N, C-alpha and C. Protein backbone atom coordinates (compact mmCIF):
# COMPACT_ATOMS: atom_id res chain seq x y z
N MET A 1 -4.54 3.78 -7.83
CA MET A 1 -4.19 2.81 -6.79
C MET A 1 -3.13 1.85 -7.33
N MET A 2 -2.06 1.65 -6.58
CA MET A 2 -1.03 0.69 -6.97
C MET A 2 -1.41 -0.69 -6.47
N ASP A 3 -0.93 -1.73 -7.16
CA ASP A 3 -1.14 -3.09 -6.70
C ASP A 3 -0.33 -3.32 -5.44
N LYS A 4 -0.91 -4.05 -4.52
CA LYS A 4 -0.21 -4.38 -3.27
C LYS A 4 0.93 -5.33 -3.58
N PRO A 5 2.17 -5.00 -3.20
CA PRO A 5 3.30 -5.90 -3.49
C PRO A 5 3.19 -7.18 -2.69
N PHE A 6 3.77 -8.24 -3.22
CA PHE A 6 3.70 -9.54 -2.54
C PHE A 6 5.01 -10.28 -2.72
N SER A 7 5.54 -10.81 -1.61
CA SER A 7 6.76 -11.61 -1.64
C SER A 7 6.44 -13.02 -1.17
N PRO A 8 6.55 -14.03 -2.05
CA PRO A 8 6.29 -15.40 -1.61
C PRO A 8 7.18 -15.84 -0.45
N SER A 9 8.45 -15.43 -0.46
CA SER A 9 9.35 -15.85 0.62
C SER A 9 8.92 -15.24 1.95
N SER A 10 8.45 -14.00 1.92
CA SER A 10 7.96 -13.38 3.17
C SER A 10 6.74 -14.13 3.69
N GLN A 11 5.87 -14.54 2.78
CA GLN A 11 4.69 -15.31 3.18
C GLN A 11 5.11 -16.64 3.82
N GLU A 12 6.14 -17.26 3.27
CA GLU A 12 6.56 -18.57 3.76
C GLU A 12 7.31 -18.49 5.08
N ASN A 13 8.11 -17.43 5.27
CA ASN A 13 8.96 -17.42 6.47
C ASN A 13 8.36 -16.66 7.65
N GLN A 14 7.24 -15.94 7.45
CA GLN A 14 6.76 -15.08 8.52
C GLN A 14 6.33 -15.86 9.78
N GLN A 15 5.71 -17.02 9.61
CA GLN A 15 5.28 -17.76 10.80
C GLN A 15 6.46 -18.39 11.54
N PRO A 16 7.42 -19.04 10.85
CA PRO A 16 8.60 -19.52 11.58
C PRO A 16 9.36 -18.41 12.29
N ILE A 17 9.46 -17.23 11.66
CA ILE A 17 10.14 -16.12 12.33
C ILE A 17 9.34 -15.68 13.55
N LEU A 18 8.03 -15.57 13.41
CA LEU A 18 7.19 -15.16 14.54
C LEU A 18 7.40 -16.07 15.74
N GLU A 19 7.47 -17.37 15.50
CA GLU A 19 7.63 -18.31 16.60
C GLU A 19 8.94 -18.10 17.36
N VAL A 20 9.95 -17.59 16.65
CA VAL A 20 11.25 -17.33 17.29
C VAL A 20 11.26 -15.98 18.00
N ILE A 21 10.68 -14.95 17.37
CA ILE A 21 10.81 -13.61 17.94
C ILE A 21 9.76 -13.31 19.01
N ALA A 22 8.60 -13.97 18.95
CA ALA A 22 7.52 -13.64 19.88
C ALA A 22 7.95 -13.73 21.34
N PRO A 23 8.57 -14.83 21.78
CA PRO A 23 8.97 -14.86 23.20
C PRO A 23 10.04 -13.85 23.56
N ARG A 24 10.82 -13.43 22.59
CA ARG A 24 11.87 -12.45 22.84
C ARG A 24 11.35 -11.01 22.81
N LEU A 25 10.10 -10.85 22.41
CA LEU A 25 9.47 -9.53 22.40
C LEU A 25 8.33 -9.45 23.41
N ALA A 26 8.25 -10.42 24.31
CA ALA A 26 7.12 -10.48 25.25
C ALA A 26 7.05 -9.25 26.14
N SER A 27 8.21 -8.70 26.51
CA SER A 27 8.22 -7.54 27.40
C SER A 27 8.44 -6.23 26.65
N ALA A 28 8.60 -6.30 25.34
CA ALA A 28 8.78 -5.08 24.54
C ALA A 28 7.44 -4.40 24.30
N ARG A 29 7.49 -3.13 23.99
CA ARG A 29 6.28 -2.36 23.71
C ARG A 29 6.31 -1.65 22.36
N SER A 30 7.50 -1.39 21.85
CA SER A 30 7.60 -0.63 20.59
C SER A 30 8.79 -1.14 19.79
N VAL A 31 8.52 -1.68 18.61
CA VAL A 31 9.54 -2.30 17.78
C VAL A 31 9.75 -1.47 16.51
N LEU A 32 10.99 -1.24 16.18
CA LEU A 32 11.36 -0.58 14.93
C LEU A 32 11.80 -1.66 13.95
N GLU A 33 11.08 -1.79 12.83
CA GLU A 33 11.50 -2.71 11.78
C GLU A 33 12.26 -1.91 10.73
N ILE A 34 13.49 -2.29 10.47
CA ILE A 34 14.33 -1.61 9.49
C ILE A 34 14.37 -2.45 8.22
N GLY A 35 13.90 -1.86 7.12
CA GLY A 35 13.84 -2.57 5.85
C GLY A 35 12.62 -3.46 5.76
N SER A 36 11.43 -2.87 5.78
CA SER A 36 10.19 -3.66 5.84
C SER A 36 9.80 -4.30 4.51
N GLY A 37 10.46 -3.93 3.42
CA GLY A 37 10.19 -4.59 2.14
C GLY A 37 8.79 -4.35 1.64
N THR A 38 7.99 -5.41 1.55
CA THR A 38 6.61 -5.27 1.11
C THR A 38 5.68 -4.79 2.22
N GLY A 39 6.07 -5.05 3.48
CA GLY A 39 5.20 -4.76 4.62
C GLY A 39 4.48 -5.97 5.15
N GLN A 40 4.67 -7.13 4.54
CA GLN A 40 3.96 -8.34 4.97
C GLN A 40 4.32 -8.75 6.39
N HIS A 41 5.61 -8.70 6.72
CA HIS A 41 6.01 -9.08 8.07
C HIS A 41 5.38 -8.16 9.11
N GLY A 42 5.39 -6.86 8.83
CA GLY A 42 4.81 -5.93 9.78
C GLY A 42 3.36 -6.24 10.09
N VAL A 43 2.58 -6.52 9.06
CA VAL A 43 1.16 -6.84 9.26
C VAL A 43 1.01 -8.14 10.04
N HIS A 44 1.76 -9.15 9.66
CA HIS A 44 1.65 -10.46 10.32
C HIS A 44 2.04 -10.36 11.79
N PHE A 45 3.15 -9.70 12.08
CA PHE A 45 3.62 -9.64 13.46
C PHE A 45 2.75 -8.72 14.31
N ALA A 46 2.31 -7.60 13.76
CA ALA A 46 1.45 -6.70 14.52
C ALA A 46 0.10 -7.35 14.83
N THR A 47 -0.38 -8.19 13.92
CA THR A 47 -1.62 -8.93 14.17
C THR A 47 -1.44 -9.93 15.30
N ALA A 48 -0.33 -10.65 15.27
CA ALA A 48 -0.09 -11.71 16.26
C ALA A 48 0.36 -11.17 17.61
N LEU A 49 0.93 -9.96 17.63
CA LEU A 49 1.49 -9.39 18.87
C LEU A 49 0.85 -8.03 19.14
N PRO A 50 -0.40 -8.03 19.53
CA PRO A 50 -1.13 -6.76 19.67
C PRO A 50 -0.60 -5.86 20.79
N HIS A 51 0.22 -6.41 21.69
CA HIS A 51 0.79 -5.57 22.76
C HIS A 51 1.91 -4.67 22.23
N LEU A 52 2.36 -4.93 21.00
CA LEU A 52 3.48 -4.18 20.42
C LEU A 52 3.00 -3.10 19.47
N ARG A 53 3.66 -1.97 19.49
CA ARG A 53 3.53 -0.99 18.42
C ARG A 53 4.64 -1.30 17.42
N TRP A 54 4.26 -1.70 16.22
CA TRP A 54 5.23 -2.15 15.21
C TRP A 54 5.39 -1.05 14.17
N GLN A 55 6.60 -0.47 14.11
CA GLN A 55 6.87 0.63 13.19
C GLN A 55 7.65 0.14 11.98
N CYS A 56 6.99 0.08 10.83
CA CYS A 56 7.67 -0.28 9.58
C CYS A 56 8.46 0.90 9.04
N THR A 57 9.62 0.61 8.45
CA THR A 57 10.42 1.63 7.77
C THR A 57 11.07 1.01 6.54
N ASP A 58 11.45 1.87 5.61
CA ASP A 58 12.24 1.43 4.46
C ASP A 58 12.68 2.68 3.70
N VAL A 59 13.44 2.47 2.65
CA VAL A 59 13.81 3.60 1.79
C VAL A 59 12.53 4.14 1.14
N PRO A 60 12.51 5.42 0.79
CA PRO A 60 11.27 6.04 0.33
C PRO A 60 10.55 5.31 -0.80
N GLY A 61 11.29 4.71 -1.73
CA GLY A 61 10.65 4.06 -2.86
C GLY A 61 9.78 2.87 -2.50
N HIS A 62 10.02 2.27 -1.33
CA HIS A 62 9.24 1.11 -0.91
C HIS A 62 8.02 1.47 -0.08
N LEU A 63 7.92 2.71 0.37
CA LEU A 63 6.86 3.08 1.30
C LEU A 63 5.45 2.96 0.71
N PRO A 64 5.21 3.31 -0.56
CA PRO A 64 3.84 3.16 -1.07
C PRO A 64 3.32 1.72 -0.99
N GLY A 65 4.16 0.74 -1.30
CA GLY A 65 3.73 -0.65 -1.22
C GLY A 65 3.45 -1.07 0.21
N ILE A 66 4.32 -0.67 1.13
CA ILE A 66 4.10 -0.99 2.55
C ILE A 66 2.81 -0.36 3.03
N ARG A 67 2.57 0.88 2.58
CA ARG A 67 1.35 1.59 3.00
C ARG A 67 0.10 0.84 2.55
N CYS A 68 0.15 0.19 1.39
CA CYS A 68 -1.00 -0.60 0.93
C CYS A 68 -1.35 -1.69 1.92
N TRP A 69 -0.36 -2.42 2.39
CA TRP A 69 -0.60 -3.48 3.36
C TRP A 69 -1.14 -2.93 4.67
N ILE A 70 -0.54 -1.84 5.15
CA ILE A 70 -0.93 -1.28 6.44
C ILE A 70 -2.34 -0.72 6.39
N GLU A 71 -2.67 -0.01 5.32
CA GLU A 71 -4.01 0.58 5.22
C GLU A 71 -5.08 -0.49 5.09
N GLU A 72 -4.77 -1.59 4.43
CA GLU A 72 -5.73 -2.68 4.33
C GLU A 72 -5.92 -3.37 5.68
N ALA A 73 -4.83 -3.52 6.46
CA ALA A 73 -4.90 -4.23 7.74
C ALA A 73 -5.68 -3.45 8.79
N ARG A 74 -5.53 -2.12 8.80
CA ARG A 74 -6.24 -1.26 9.76
C ARG A 74 -6.00 -1.71 11.20
N LEU A 75 -4.76 -1.91 11.57
CA LEU A 75 -4.41 -2.34 12.92
C LEU A 75 -4.04 -1.13 13.78
N PRO A 76 -4.53 -1.05 15.00
CA PRO A 76 -4.23 0.11 15.84
C PRO A 76 -2.77 0.20 16.26
N ASN A 77 -2.06 -0.91 16.22
CA ASN A 77 -0.65 -0.93 16.64
C ASN A 77 0.32 -0.93 15.46
N LEU A 78 -0.18 -0.57 14.26
CA LEU A 78 0.66 -0.57 13.06
C LEU A 78 0.49 0.78 12.36
N PRO A 79 1.31 1.78 12.74
CA PRO A 79 1.18 3.11 12.16
C PRO A 79 1.72 3.17 10.73
N ALA A 80 1.55 4.31 10.11
CA ALA A 80 2.05 4.51 8.75
C ALA A 80 3.56 4.30 8.70
N PRO A 81 4.08 3.77 7.59
CA PRO A 81 5.53 3.53 7.50
C PRO A 81 6.31 4.82 7.40
N LEU A 82 7.55 4.77 7.86
CA LEU A 82 8.44 5.93 7.85
C LEU A 82 9.66 5.65 6.98
N ALA A 83 10.22 6.71 6.41
CA ALA A 83 11.43 6.59 5.60
C ALA A 83 12.64 6.40 6.50
N LEU A 84 13.47 5.44 6.15
CA LEU A 84 14.73 5.21 6.85
C LEU A 84 15.74 4.65 5.86
N ASP A 85 16.82 5.37 5.68
CA ASP A 85 17.93 4.95 4.82
C ASP A 85 19.18 5.02 5.67
N VAL A 86 19.89 3.91 5.82
CA VAL A 86 21.06 3.90 6.71
C VAL A 86 22.17 4.81 6.20
N ASP A 87 22.10 5.23 4.94
CA ASP A 87 23.09 6.16 4.42
C ASP A 87 22.81 7.60 4.85
N ASP A 88 21.62 7.84 5.41
CA ASP A 88 21.27 9.18 5.88
C ASP A 88 21.59 9.32 7.37
N ASP A 89 21.47 10.54 7.88
CA ASP A 89 21.60 10.77 9.32
C ASP A 89 20.25 10.51 9.97
N TRP A 90 19.94 9.23 10.18
CA TRP A 90 18.60 8.82 10.59
C TRP A 90 18.44 8.64 12.09
N ILE A 91 19.52 8.54 12.82
CA ILE A 91 19.42 8.15 14.22
C ILE A 91 18.64 9.17 15.03
N ASP A 92 18.94 10.45 14.88
CA ASP A 92 18.26 11.48 15.68
C ASP A 92 16.77 11.50 15.41
N ALA A 93 16.36 11.20 14.18
CA ALA A 93 14.94 11.22 13.84
C ALA A 93 14.15 10.14 14.57
N PHE A 94 14.82 9.08 15.00
CA PHE A 94 14.14 7.96 15.65
C PHE A 94 14.50 7.83 17.14
N ARG A 95 15.43 8.64 17.60
CA ARG A 95 15.97 8.45 18.95
C ARG A 95 14.93 8.62 20.06
N ASP A 96 14.01 9.57 19.90
CA ASP A 96 13.08 9.88 20.97
C ASP A 96 11.77 9.11 20.91
N ALA A 97 11.68 8.13 20.02
CA ALA A 97 10.42 7.39 19.85
C ALA A 97 10.24 6.28 20.87
N GLY A 98 11.27 5.96 21.62
CA GLY A 98 11.14 4.99 22.69
C GLY A 98 11.10 3.54 22.24
N TYR A 99 11.79 3.20 21.17
CA TYR A 99 11.82 1.81 20.73
C TYR A 99 12.62 0.96 21.72
N ASP A 100 12.07 -0.20 22.04
CA ASP A 100 12.79 -1.09 22.95
C ASP A 100 13.12 -2.42 22.29
N ALA A 101 13.05 -2.47 20.97
CA ALA A 101 13.54 -3.62 20.19
C ALA A 101 13.64 -3.18 18.73
N VAL A 102 14.53 -3.84 18.00
CA VAL A 102 14.68 -3.60 16.56
C VAL A 102 14.65 -4.95 15.85
N TYR A 103 13.98 -4.99 14.72
CA TYR A 103 13.87 -6.19 13.90
C TYR A 103 14.25 -5.84 12.46
N SER A 104 14.97 -6.74 11.80
CA SER A 104 15.31 -6.54 10.40
C SER A 104 15.48 -7.90 9.73
N ALA A 105 14.91 -8.06 8.55
CA ALA A 105 14.96 -9.35 7.85
C ALA A 105 15.44 -9.17 6.42
N ASN A 106 16.37 -10.02 6.03
CA ASN A 106 16.85 -10.07 4.64
C ASN A 106 17.32 -8.70 4.15
N THR A 107 18.04 -8.01 4.99
CA THR A 107 18.57 -6.70 4.64
C THR A 107 20.09 -6.69 4.54
N ALA A 108 20.77 -7.42 5.42
CA ALA A 108 22.23 -7.31 5.50
C ALA A 108 22.90 -7.71 4.19
N HIS A 109 22.36 -8.70 3.50
CA HIS A 109 23.02 -9.18 2.28
C HIS A 109 22.78 -8.28 1.07
N ILE A 110 21.80 -7.38 1.14
CA ILE A 110 21.61 -6.45 0.02
C ILE A 110 22.24 -5.09 0.31
N MET A 111 22.79 -4.92 1.51
CA MET A 111 23.53 -3.71 1.85
C MET A 111 25.02 -3.94 1.58
N SER A 112 25.75 -2.85 1.44
CA SER A 112 27.20 -2.96 1.44
C SER A 112 27.65 -3.23 2.88
N LEU A 113 28.89 -3.68 3.03
CA LEU A 113 29.40 -3.95 4.37
C LEU A 113 29.44 -2.66 5.20
N ALA A 114 29.76 -1.54 4.56
CA ALA A 114 29.76 -0.26 5.27
C ALA A 114 28.36 0.10 5.73
N GLN A 115 27.35 -0.20 4.95
CA GLN A 115 25.97 0.07 5.36
C GLN A 115 25.55 -0.83 6.51
N VAL A 116 25.99 -2.08 6.50
CA VAL A 116 25.69 -2.98 7.61
C VAL A 116 26.33 -2.44 8.89
N GLU A 117 27.54 -1.94 8.78
CA GLU A 117 28.20 -1.34 9.94
C GLU A 117 27.38 -0.15 10.46
N ARG A 118 26.87 0.68 9.55
CA ARG A 118 26.05 1.81 9.96
C ARG A 118 24.74 1.34 10.60
N LEU A 119 24.18 0.25 10.10
CA LEU A 119 22.98 -0.33 10.70
C LEU A 119 23.24 -0.69 12.15
N PHE A 120 24.31 -1.41 12.42
CA PHE A 120 24.63 -1.80 13.79
C PHE A 120 24.90 -0.58 14.67
N HIS A 121 25.62 0.39 14.13
CA HIS A 121 25.89 1.60 14.89
C HIS A 121 24.58 2.29 15.29
N GLY A 122 23.65 2.40 14.34
CA GLY A 122 22.38 3.04 14.64
C GLY A 122 21.56 2.28 15.65
N VAL A 123 21.50 0.96 15.52
CA VAL A 123 20.75 0.15 16.46
C VAL A 123 21.33 0.31 17.87
N GLY A 124 22.65 0.26 17.96
CA GLY A 124 23.27 0.42 19.27
C GLY A 124 23.00 1.78 19.88
N ALA A 125 22.91 2.81 19.04
CA ALA A 125 22.63 4.16 19.54
C ALA A 125 21.18 4.32 19.97
N LEU A 126 20.26 3.58 19.35
CA LEU A 126 18.84 3.74 19.64
C LEU A 126 18.36 2.92 20.82
N LEU A 127 18.84 1.70 20.94
CA LEU A 127 18.26 0.78 21.91
C LEU A 127 18.70 1.08 23.34
N PRO A 128 17.77 0.97 24.29
CA PRO A 128 18.16 1.03 25.69
C PRO A 128 18.84 -0.27 26.10
N GLY A 129 19.43 -0.29 27.27
CA GLY A 129 20.12 -1.48 27.73
C GLY A 129 19.19 -2.68 27.89
N ASP A 130 19.73 -3.86 27.68
CA ASP A 130 19.03 -5.12 27.82
C ASP A 130 17.82 -5.23 26.89
N SER A 131 17.97 -4.76 25.66
CA SER A 131 16.90 -4.90 24.67
C SER A 131 17.47 -5.60 23.45
N ALA A 132 16.57 -6.12 22.59
CA ALA A 132 16.98 -7.06 21.54
C ALA A 132 17.00 -6.42 20.16
N PHE A 133 17.98 -6.85 19.38
CA PHE A 133 18.05 -6.59 17.93
C PHE A 133 17.96 -7.94 17.26
N LEU A 134 16.88 -8.18 16.52
CA LEU A 134 16.60 -9.46 15.88
C LEU A 134 16.88 -9.33 14.40
N LEU A 135 17.87 -10.08 13.92
CA LEU A 135 18.33 -9.97 12.54
C LEU A 135 18.20 -11.32 11.85
N TYR A 136 17.37 -11.36 10.80
CA TYR A 136 17.09 -12.61 10.10
C TYR A 136 17.70 -12.59 8.70
N GLY A 137 18.17 -13.74 8.25
CA GLY A 137 18.67 -13.86 6.89
C GLY A 137 19.68 -14.98 6.76
N PRO A 138 20.35 -15.06 5.61
CA PRO A 138 21.45 -16.02 5.44
C PRO A 138 22.75 -15.40 5.94
N PHE A 139 23.58 -16.21 6.60
CA PHE A 139 24.86 -15.73 7.11
C PHE A 139 25.89 -16.84 6.96
N SER A 140 27.14 -16.45 6.76
CA SER A 140 28.25 -17.40 6.75
C SER A 140 29.01 -17.26 8.07
N VAL A 141 29.90 -18.22 8.32
CA VAL A 141 30.73 -18.19 9.53
C VAL A 141 32.16 -18.50 9.13
N ASP A 142 33.06 -17.58 9.40
CA ASP A 142 34.47 -17.74 9.04
C ASP A 142 34.63 -18.04 7.55
N GLY A 143 33.78 -17.38 6.74
CA GLY A 143 33.86 -17.54 5.29
C GLY A 143 33.21 -18.80 4.74
N ARG A 144 32.61 -19.60 5.61
CA ARG A 144 32.00 -20.85 5.16
C ARG A 144 30.47 -20.72 5.19
N HIS A 145 29.84 -21.09 4.07
CA HIS A 145 28.38 -21.07 3.99
C HIS A 145 27.83 -22.37 4.57
N ASN A 146 26.59 -22.30 5.07
CA ASN A 146 26.00 -23.51 5.66
C ASN A 146 25.25 -24.36 4.65
N SER A 147 25.29 -23.98 3.36
CA SER A 147 24.66 -24.79 2.32
C SER A 147 25.20 -24.37 0.97
N GLU A 148 25.10 -25.26 0.01
CA GLU A 148 25.49 -24.92 -1.37
C GLU A 148 24.58 -23.84 -1.94
N SER A 149 23.31 -23.87 -1.56
CA SER A 149 22.39 -22.86 -2.10
C SER A 149 22.76 -21.46 -1.61
N ASN A 150 23.21 -21.35 -0.37
CA ASN A 150 23.64 -20.05 0.14
C ASN A 150 24.93 -19.59 -0.55
N ALA A 151 25.82 -20.52 -0.86
CA ALA A 151 27.04 -20.16 -1.58
C ALA A 151 26.70 -19.64 -2.97
N ARG A 152 25.76 -20.31 -3.64
CA ARG A 152 25.35 -19.84 -4.97
C ARG A 152 24.64 -18.49 -4.88
N PHE A 153 23.82 -18.33 -3.84
CA PHE A 153 23.12 -17.06 -3.63
C PHE A 153 24.13 -15.93 -3.43
N ASP A 154 25.16 -16.19 -2.65
CA ASP A 154 26.20 -15.19 -2.41
C ASP A 154 26.90 -14.81 -3.72
N GLN A 155 27.21 -15.78 -4.54
CA GLN A 155 27.86 -15.51 -5.82
C GLN A 155 26.96 -14.67 -6.73
N MET A 156 25.66 -15.00 -6.74
CA MET A 156 24.71 -14.24 -7.55
C MET A 156 24.61 -12.79 -7.08
N LEU A 157 24.53 -12.60 -5.77
CA LEU A 157 24.46 -11.25 -5.22
C LEU A 157 25.67 -10.43 -5.65
N ARG A 158 26.85 -11.02 -5.52
CA ARG A 158 28.09 -10.28 -5.80
C ARG A 158 28.27 -10.02 -7.31
N ARG A 159 27.74 -10.91 -8.14
CA ARG A 159 27.77 -10.64 -9.58
C ARG A 159 26.90 -9.43 -9.92
N ASN A 160 25.73 -9.36 -9.29
CA ASN A 160 24.81 -8.26 -9.57
C ASN A 160 25.26 -6.95 -8.95
N ASP A 161 25.88 -7.05 -7.77
CA ASP A 161 26.35 -5.86 -7.07
C ASP A 161 27.54 -6.28 -6.22
N PRO A 162 28.76 -5.94 -6.61
CA PRO A 162 29.95 -6.37 -5.86
C PRO A 162 29.97 -5.94 -4.40
N LEU A 163 29.17 -4.94 -4.04
CA LEU A 163 29.15 -4.48 -2.65
C LEU A 163 28.19 -5.28 -1.78
N SER A 164 27.32 -6.08 -2.40
CA SER A 164 26.38 -6.89 -1.63
C SER A 164 26.98 -8.27 -1.37
N GLY A 165 26.23 -9.13 -0.68
CA GLY A 165 26.71 -10.48 -0.41
C GLY A 165 26.28 -10.98 0.94
N VAL A 166 26.23 -12.29 1.09
CA VAL A 166 25.92 -12.90 2.38
C VAL A 166 26.98 -12.49 3.39
N ARG A 167 26.55 -11.99 4.53
CA ARG A 167 27.48 -11.44 5.52
C ARG A 167 27.99 -12.52 6.48
N ASP A 168 29.24 -12.32 6.88
CA ASP A 168 29.87 -13.29 7.77
C ASP A 168 29.64 -12.88 9.22
N LEU A 169 29.34 -13.87 10.03
CA LEU A 169 29.03 -13.62 11.44
C LEU A 169 30.18 -12.92 12.16
N ARG A 170 31.40 -13.21 11.78
CA ARG A 170 32.54 -12.59 12.47
C ARG A 170 32.60 -11.09 12.21
N ASP A 171 32.27 -10.67 10.99
CA ASP A 171 32.20 -9.23 10.71
C ASP A 171 31.10 -8.58 11.53
N LEU A 172 29.95 -9.24 11.60
CA LEU A 172 28.84 -8.68 12.37
C LEU A 172 29.17 -8.58 13.85
N GLU A 173 29.87 -9.58 14.37
CA GLU A 173 30.26 -9.52 15.78
C GLU A 173 31.19 -8.35 16.05
N GLY A 174 32.06 -8.03 15.11
CA GLY A 174 32.93 -6.87 15.26
C GLY A 174 32.14 -5.58 15.29
N PHE A 175 31.18 -5.43 14.36
CA PHE A 175 30.33 -4.24 14.35
C PHE A 175 29.52 -4.15 15.64
N ALA A 176 29.00 -5.29 16.07
CA ALA A 176 28.16 -5.31 17.27
C ALA A 176 28.95 -4.91 18.51
N ARG A 177 30.17 -5.39 18.60
CA ARG A 177 31.00 -5.08 19.77
C ARG A 177 31.18 -3.58 19.93
N VAL A 178 31.46 -2.91 18.83
CA VAL A 178 31.64 -1.45 18.86
C VAL A 178 30.32 -0.76 19.23
N ALA A 179 29.20 -1.33 18.81
CA ALA A 179 27.89 -0.73 19.05
C ALA A 179 27.31 -1.07 20.41
N GLY A 180 28.02 -1.89 21.20
CA GLY A 180 27.51 -2.26 22.52
C GLY A 180 26.51 -3.40 22.50
N LEU A 181 26.60 -4.25 21.47
CA LEU A 181 25.69 -5.39 21.33
C LEU A 181 26.48 -6.69 21.44
N VAL A 182 25.86 -7.70 22.01
CA VAL A 182 26.47 -9.03 22.07
C VAL A 182 25.50 -10.04 21.49
N LEU A 183 26.05 -11.11 20.89
CA LEU A 183 25.23 -12.15 20.30
C LEU A 183 24.72 -13.08 21.39
N GLU A 184 23.40 -13.07 21.58
CA GLU A 184 22.77 -13.89 22.63
C GLU A 184 22.36 -15.26 22.12
N ALA A 185 21.93 -15.32 20.86
CA ALA A 185 21.47 -16.60 20.31
C ALA A 185 21.60 -16.58 18.79
N GLU A 186 21.85 -17.74 18.23
CA GLU A 186 21.92 -17.95 16.79
C GLU A 186 21.02 -19.13 16.47
N ILE A 187 19.89 -18.87 15.85
CA ILE A 187 18.83 -19.86 15.72
C ILE A 187 18.68 -20.29 14.26
N ALA A 188 18.83 -21.58 14.01
CA ALA A 188 18.66 -22.10 12.66
C ALA A 188 17.20 -21.99 12.24
N MET A 189 16.98 -21.56 10.99
CA MET A 189 15.65 -21.35 10.45
C MET A 189 15.50 -22.16 9.17
N PRO A 190 14.27 -22.29 8.66
CA PRO A 190 14.09 -23.01 7.39
C PRO A 190 14.86 -22.36 6.24
N VAL A 191 15.14 -23.15 5.23
CA VAL A 191 15.79 -22.73 3.98
C VAL A 191 17.17 -22.12 4.27
N ASN A 192 17.87 -22.70 5.25
CA ASN A 192 19.26 -22.35 5.53
C ASN A 192 19.46 -20.89 5.98
N ASN A 193 18.42 -20.31 6.56
CA ASN A 193 18.54 -18.99 7.15
C ASN A 193 18.77 -19.11 8.65
N ARG A 194 19.01 -17.96 9.29
CA ARG A 194 19.21 -17.92 10.73
C ARG A 194 18.57 -16.65 11.29
N THR A 195 18.17 -16.73 12.54
CA THR A 195 17.81 -15.53 13.27
C THR A 195 18.90 -15.28 14.31
N LEU A 196 19.53 -14.12 14.21
CA LEU A 196 20.56 -13.72 15.17
C LEU A 196 19.92 -12.79 16.19
N VAL A 197 20.07 -13.13 17.45
CA VAL A 197 19.51 -12.32 18.53
C VAL A 197 20.66 -11.59 19.21
N TRP A 198 20.69 -10.29 19.02
CA TRP A 198 21.73 -9.45 19.64
C TRP A 198 21.10 -8.74 20.84
N ARG A 199 21.87 -8.56 21.90
CA ARG A 199 21.35 -7.93 23.11
C ARG A 199 22.18 -6.68 23.39
N ARG A 200 21.48 -5.57 23.57
CA ARG A 200 22.15 -4.30 23.93
C ARG A 200 22.59 -4.39 25.37
N GLN A 201 23.86 -4.13 25.61
CA GLN A 201 24.40 -4.21 26.96
C GLN A 201 23.92 -3.03 27.81
N PRO A 202 23.64 -3.28 29.10
CA PRO A 202 23.20 -2.18 29.97
C PRO A 202 24.23 -1.07 30.04
């Protein structure tokens, strides 16, 4: 048996995120989470939103840890996690599952910009019209960070991996436009993060 992974930041931000996403998922029935990390968010949100089927996904190496959380929770609306890598041809594998919302947290800054573009392309291909893509994390606007800590975080990311980094809202808007998504809301969150609410156009 492996130890259940734990992220202190996920524990701290899950309730503020829930308060933002819950009203925007009131009419949804099936949510695809891309990049579930430890699985903590999936358990917390599936517990609080029992009307939703919450599907956790991540790259294969993270699935055992996510499975630990899910198996311990034993929630009827939280199935086993699935493998999803944006570098793969993943869209067809998820297209017929009937997801009417997508959620992703703290993923864009650890992806390359090309991977973020593929993420938006896939979300746009999967979602039906008038449904939400909820993206949480740190973001800059026109190259400007909203805090010194985010600027330092961006520098650290790029030192460790030149392809990673805090993503700029203008780049995301360009990817979204091509994918048929528009920015509906930009919500300030604790610790200089934001929740971006994208809406799939009918």
